[in-house]
Amino acid sequence: MGVIHLEIRGRVQGVGFRWFVVERARALGLGGWVSNRPNGNVELAAGGASEALETLALAVEKGPPGAFVEGVAKLPPLDEQKLSKPFGIVR
């Protein structure tokens, strides 16, 4: 079990990026959330099995069609107990 907390930079808003993350995270059985940030980036926090978290991290490096990911930065980890299921979008 583990937690990831990431900020994704690039063309990641207005291209279905959050729904892309939600679908992948739920399919992997992860808890947590994804959110657009005011600076145009996307932030996500997910908790669950380490292998599932690695799979999600790899998926967000590419993103959905129409997205262009310039970079992914690790943010300070959050408490896994605050990452509820089902994985969802925070506005």
N, C-alpha and C. Protein backbone atom coordinates (compact mmCIF):
# COMPACT_ATOMS: atom_id res chain seq x y z
N MET A 1 0.84 -1.18 0.00
CA MET A 1 0.00 0.00 0.00
C MET A 1 0.89 1.24 0.00
N GLY A 2 0.36 2.27 -0.61
CA GLY A 2 1.13 3.49 -0.68
C GLY A 2 0.27 4.66 -1.14
N VAL A 3 0.94 5.79 -1.38
CA VAL A 3 0.27 7.02 -1.80
C VAL A 3 1.14 7.71 -2.84
N ILE A 4 0.49 8.29 -3.86
CA ILE A 4 1.19 9.21 -4.76
C ILE A 4 0.44 10.54 -4.74
N HIS A 5 1.19 11.61 -4.89
CA HIS A 5 0.62 12.96 -4.95
C HIS A 5 1.42 13.67 -6.04
N LEU A 6 0.76 13.98 -7.17
CA LEU A 6 1.46 14.47 -8.35
C LEU A 6 0.83 15.74 -8.89
N GLU A 7 1.66 16.54 -9.56
CA GLU A 7 1.19 17.68 -10.33
C GLU A 7 1.62 17.44 -11.77
N ILE A 8 0.66 17.49 -12.69
CA ILE A 8 0.92 17.23 -14.10
C ILE A 8 0.84 18.55 -14.84
N ARG A 9 1.91 18.87 -15.59
CA ARG A 9 2.00 20.13 -16.33
C ARG A 9 1.87 19.88 -17.83
N GLY A 10 1.36 20.87 -18.52
CA GLY A 10 1.24 20.81 -19.98
C GLY A 10 -0.17 21.18 -20.41
N ARG A 11 -0.59 20.67 -21.58
CA ARG A 11 -1.97 20.89 -22.02
C ARG A 11 -2.80 19.76 -21.41
N VAL A 12 -3.27 20.00 -20.18
CA VAL A 12 -3.94 18.96 -19.41
C VAL A 12 -5.32 19.39 -18.91
N GLN A 13 -5.74 20.61 -19.27
CA GLN A 13 -7.10 21.04 -18.93
C GLN A 13 -7.89 21.22 -20.21
N GLY A 14 -9.17 20.85 -20.17
CA GLY A 14 -10.02 20.99 -21.35
C GLY A 14 -9.84 19.88 -22.36
N VAL A 15 -9.16 18.79 -21.97
CA VAL A 15 -8.91 17.68 -22.89
C VAL A 15 -9.38 16.34 -22.31
N GLY A 16 -10.18 16.39 -21.24
CA GLY A 16 -10.68 15.16 -20.61
C GLY A 16 -9.68 14.47 -19.71
N PHE A 17 -8.66 15.21 -19.28
CA PHE A 17 -7.60 14.60 -18.47
C PHE A 17 -8.13 14.07 -17.14
N ARG A 18 -8.96 14.85 -16.46
CA ARG A 18 -9.46 14.39 -15.15
C ARG A 18 -10.28 13.11 -15.29
N TRP A 19 -11.15 13.04 -16.30
CA TRP A 19 -11.95 11.82 -16.48
C TRP A 19 -11.08 10.64 -16.87
N PHE A 20 -10.04 10.89 -17.62
CA PHE A 20 -9.05 9.86 -17.97
C PHE A 20 -8.46 9.27 -16.68
N VAL A 21 -8.06 10.16 -15.76
CA VAL A 21 -7.47 9.73 -14.49
C VAL A 21 -8.50 8.97 -13.65
N VAL A 22 -9.72 9.48 -13.58
CA VAL A 22 -10.77 8.82 -12.79
C VAL A 22 -11.00 7.40 -13.30
N GLU A 23 -11.15 7.24 -14.60
CA GLU A 23 -11.40 5.90 -15.16
C GLU A 23 -10.26 4.94 -14.85
N ARG A 24 -9.03 5.39 -15.01
CA ARG A 24 -7.88 4.51 -14.75
C ARG A 24 -7.79 4.18 -13.25
N ALA A 25 -7.94 5.19 -12.41
CA ALA A 25 -7.80 4.97 -10.96
C ALA A 25 -8.88 4.01 -10.44
N ARG A 26 -10.11 4.20 -10.89
CA ARG A 26 -11.19 3.31 -10.44
C ARG A 26 -10.96 1.89 -10.93
N ALA A 27 -10.51 1.73 -12.17
CA ALA A 27 -10.23 0.40 -12.71
C ALA A 27 -9.12 -0.29 -11.91
N LEU A 28 -8.22 0.49 -11.35
CA LEU A 28 -7.12 -0.06 -10.56
C LEU A 28 -7.47 -0.22 -9.08
N GLY A 29 -8.68 0.19 -8.68
CA GLY A 29 -9.12 0.04 -7.30
C GLY A 29 -8.50 1.04 -6.34
N LEU A 30 -8.11 2.20 -6.86
CA LEU A 30 -7.47 3.21 -6.02
C LEU A 30 -8.48 4.19 -5.45
N GLY A 31 -8.16 4.77 -4.32
CA GLY A 31 -8.92 5.86 -3.74
C GLY A 31 -8.19 7.16 -4.01
N GLY A 32 -8.91 8.28 -3.88
CA GLY A 32 -8.25 9.56 -4.02
C GLY A 32 -9.04 10.53 -4.86
N TRP A 33 -8.32 11.50 -5.45
CA TRP A 33 -8.98 12.56 -6.20
C TRP A 33 -8.05 13.16 -7.23
N VAL A 34 -8.66 13.88 -8.18
CA VAL A 34 -7.94 14.64 -9.19
C VAL A 34 -8.62 16.00 -9.30
N SER A 35 -7.82 17.05 -9.58
CA SER A 35 -8.37 18.40 -9.60
C SER A 35 -7.60 19.29 -10.57
N ASN A 36 -8.32 20.18 -11.25
CA ASN A 36 -7.66 21.23 -12.02
C ASN A 36 -7.13 22.27 -11.04
N ARG A 37 -5.93 22.78 -11.33
CA ARG A 37 -5.36 23.85 -10.52
C ARG A 37 -5.50 25.17 -11.26
N PRO A 38 -5.57 26.28 -10.54
CA PRO A 38 -5.72 27.59 -11.19
C PRO A 38 -4.60 27.92 -12.18
N ASN A 39 -3.42 27.32 -12.00
CA ASN A 39 -2.29 27.62 -12.86
C ASN A 39 -2.30 26.84 -14.18
N GLY A 40 -3.37 26.05 -14.43
CA GLY A 40 -3.48 25.28 -15.66
C GLY A 40 -2.98 23.85 -15.57
N ASN A 41 -2.43 23.49 -14.42
CA ASN A 41 -1.96 22.12 -14.21
C ASN A 41 -3.06 21.27 -13.60
N VAL A 42 -2.79 19.98 -13.46
CA VAL A 42 -3.72 19.05 -12.81
C VAL A 42 -2.99 18.43 -11.63
N GLU A 43 -3.68 18.32 -10.51
CA GLU A 43 -3.12 17.69 -9.31
C GLU A 43 -3.89 16.42 -9.03
N LEU A 44 -3.18 15.37 -8.63
CA LEU A 44 -3.87 14.15 -8.23
C LEU A 44 -3.21 13.55 -7.01
N ALA A 45 -4.05 12.91 -6.20
CA ALA A 45 -3.58 12.18 -5.03
C ALA A 45 -4.30 10.84 -5.05
N ALA A 46 -3.53 9.76 -4.93
CA ALA A 46 -4.12 8.43 -4.99
C ALA A 46 -3.46 7.53 -3.95
N GLY A 47 -4.26 6.61 -3.42
CA GLY A 47 -3.75 5.66 -2.46
C GLY A 47 -4.24 4.27 -2.77
N GLY A 48 -3.39 3.29 -2.52
CA GLY A 48 -3.75 1.90 -2.75
C GLY A 48 -2.52 1.04 -2.95
N ALA A 49 -2.69 -0.05 -3.68
CA ALA A 49 -1.60 -1.00 -3.93
C ALA A 49 -0.48 -0.34 -4.73
N SER A 50 0.75 -0.60 -4.34
CA SER A 50 1.91 0.03 -4.97
C SER A 50 1.96 -0.20 -6.47
N GLU A 51 1.66 -1.42 -6.91
CA GLU A 51 1.69 -1.74 -8.34
C GLU A 51 0.64 -0.92 -9.10
N ALA A 52 -0.55 -0.77 -8.51
CA ALA A 52 -1.61 0.02 -9.14
C ALA A 52 -1.21 1.49 -9.22
N LEU A 53 -0.55 1.99 -8.18
CA LEU A 53 -0.10 3.38 -8.18
C LEU A 53 0.95 3.61 -9.27
N GLU A 54 1.84 2.66 -9.46
CA GLU A 54 2.85 2.77 -10.51
C GLU A 54 2.19 2.79 -11.88
N THR A 55 1.18 1.96 -12.07
CA THR A 55 0.45 1.91 -13.34
C THR A 55 -0.23 3.24 -13.62
N LEU A 56 -0.86 3.82 -12.60
CA LEU A 56 -1.52 5.12 -12.77
C LEU A 56 -0.49 6.21 -13.08
N ALA A 57 0.63 6.21 -12.38
CA ALA A 57 1.67 7.22 -12.61
C ALA A 57 2.18 7.15 -14.04
N LEU A 58 2.36 5.96 -14.57
CA LEU A 58 2.79 5.81 -15.97
C LEU A 58 1.73 6.31 -16.93
N ALA A 59 0.46 6.05 -16.62
CA ALA A 59 -0.64 6.49 -17.50
C ALA A 59 -0.72 8.01 -17.57
N VAL A 60 -0.53 8.70 -16.45
CA VAL A 60 -0.65 10.16 -16.48
C VAL A 60 0.54 10.83 -17.15
N GLU A 61 1.64 10.11 -17.30
CA GLU A 61 2.78 10.67 -18.03
C GLU A 61 2.45 10.86 -19.51
N LYS A 62 1.52 10.07 -20.03
CA LYS A 62 1.09 10.17 -21.43
C LYS A 62 -0.23 10.93 -21.54
N GLY A 63 -1.20 10.61 -20.67
CA GLY A 63 -2.50 11.27 -20.70
C GLY A 63 -3.37 10.78 -21.84
N PRO A 64 -4.56 11.35 -21.95
CA PRO A 64 -5.51 10.95 -23.00
C PRO A 64 -5.15 11.61 -24.33
N PRO A 65 -5.78 11.15 -25.44
CA PRO A 65 -5.59 11.84 -26.72
C PRO A 65 -5.99 13.30 -26.56
N GLY A 66 -5.23 14.19 -27.14
CA GLY A 66 -5.52 15.62 -27.04
C GLY A 66 -4.72 16.31 -25.95
N ALA A 67 -4.21 15.55 -25.00
CA ALA A 67 -3.38 16.12 -23.94
C ALA A 67 -1.92 16.13 -24.39
N PHE A 68 -1.15 17.04 -23.82
CA PHE A 68 0.29 17.05 -24.02
C PHE A 68 0.93 17.26 -22.66
N VAL A 69 1.49 16.20 -22.11
CA VAL A 69 2.10 16.26 -20.78
C VAL A 69 3.55 16.71 -20.93
N GLU A 70 3.85 17.85 -20.33
CA GLU A 70 5.22 18.38 -20.37
C GLU A 70 6.05 17.84 -19.22
N GLY A 71 5.39 17.53 -18.11
CA GLY A 71 6.13 17.02 -16.97
C GLY A 71 5.22 16.62 -15.83
N VAL A 72 5.75 15.75 -14.98
CA VAL A 72 5.03 15.29 -13.80
C VAL A 72 5.95 15.49 -12.60
N ALA A 73 5.46 16.24 -11.62
CA ALA A 73 6.25 16.52 -10.41
C ALA A 73 5.62 15.83 -9.22
N LYS A 74 6.47 15.27 -8.37
CA LYS A 74 5.99 14.68 -7.12
C LYS A 74 5.78 15.79 -6.10
N LEU A 75 4.64 15.71 -5.41
CA LEU A 75 4.31 16.64 -4.33
C LEU A 75 4.42 15.90 -3.01
N PRO A 76 4.46 16.63 -1.88
CA PRO A 76 4.53 15.95 -0.58
C PRO A 76 3.37 14.98 -0.41
N PRO A 77 3.65 13.77 0.11
CA PRO A 77 2.59 12.76 0.27
C PRO A 77 1.51 13.21 1.25
N LEU A 78 0.30 12.72 1.00
CA LEU A 78 -0.85 12.99 1.86
C LEU A 78 -1.15 11.75 2.68
N ASP A 79 -1.96 11.92 3.71
CA ASP A 79 -2.40 10.81 4.54
C ASP A 79 -3.35 9.92 3.74
N GLU A 80 -3.00 8.64 3.60
CA GLU A 80 -3.81 7.71 2.80
C GLU A 80 -5.25 7.63 3.29
N GLN A 81 -5.50 7.84 4.57
CA GLN A 81 -6.85 7.73 5.10
C GLN A 81 -7.75 8.86 4.59
N LYS A 82 -7.16 9.94 4.06
CA LYS A 82 -7.95 11.04 3.51
C LYS A 82 -8.29 10.82 2.04
N LEU A 83 -7.84 9.71 1.46
CA LEU A 83 -8.05 9.43 0.04
C LEU A 83 -9.16 8.40 -0.10
N SER A 84 -10.38 8.87 -0.13
CA SER A 84 -11.54 7.99 -0.10
C SER A 84 -11.83 7.36 -1.45
N LYS A 85 -12.61 6.30 -1.40
CA LYS A 85 -13.11 5.64 -2.60
C LYS A 85 -14.56 5.99 -2.75
N PRO A 86 -15.13 6.04 -3.92
CA PRO A 86 -14.40 5.85 -5.18
C PRO A 86 -13.57 7.07 -5.50
N PHE A 87 -12.55 6.86 -6.31
CA PHE A 87 -11.71 7.95 -6.80
C PHE A 87 -12.60 8.95 -7.53
N GLY A 88 -12.39 10.24 -7.30
CA GLY A 88 -13.28 11.23 -7.90
C GLY A 88 -12.60 12.54 -8.25
N ILE A 89 -13.39 13.42 -8.80
CA ILE A 89 -12.93 14.76 -9.19
C ILE A 89 -13.28 15.74 -8.07
N VAL A 90 -12.31 16.55 -7.69
CA VAL A 90 -12.52 17.61 -6.71
C VAL A 90 -12.49 18.92 -7.48
N ARG A 91 -13.49 19.75 -7.27
CA ARG A 91 -13.53 21.03 -7.97
C ARG A 91 -13.10 22.15 -7.06
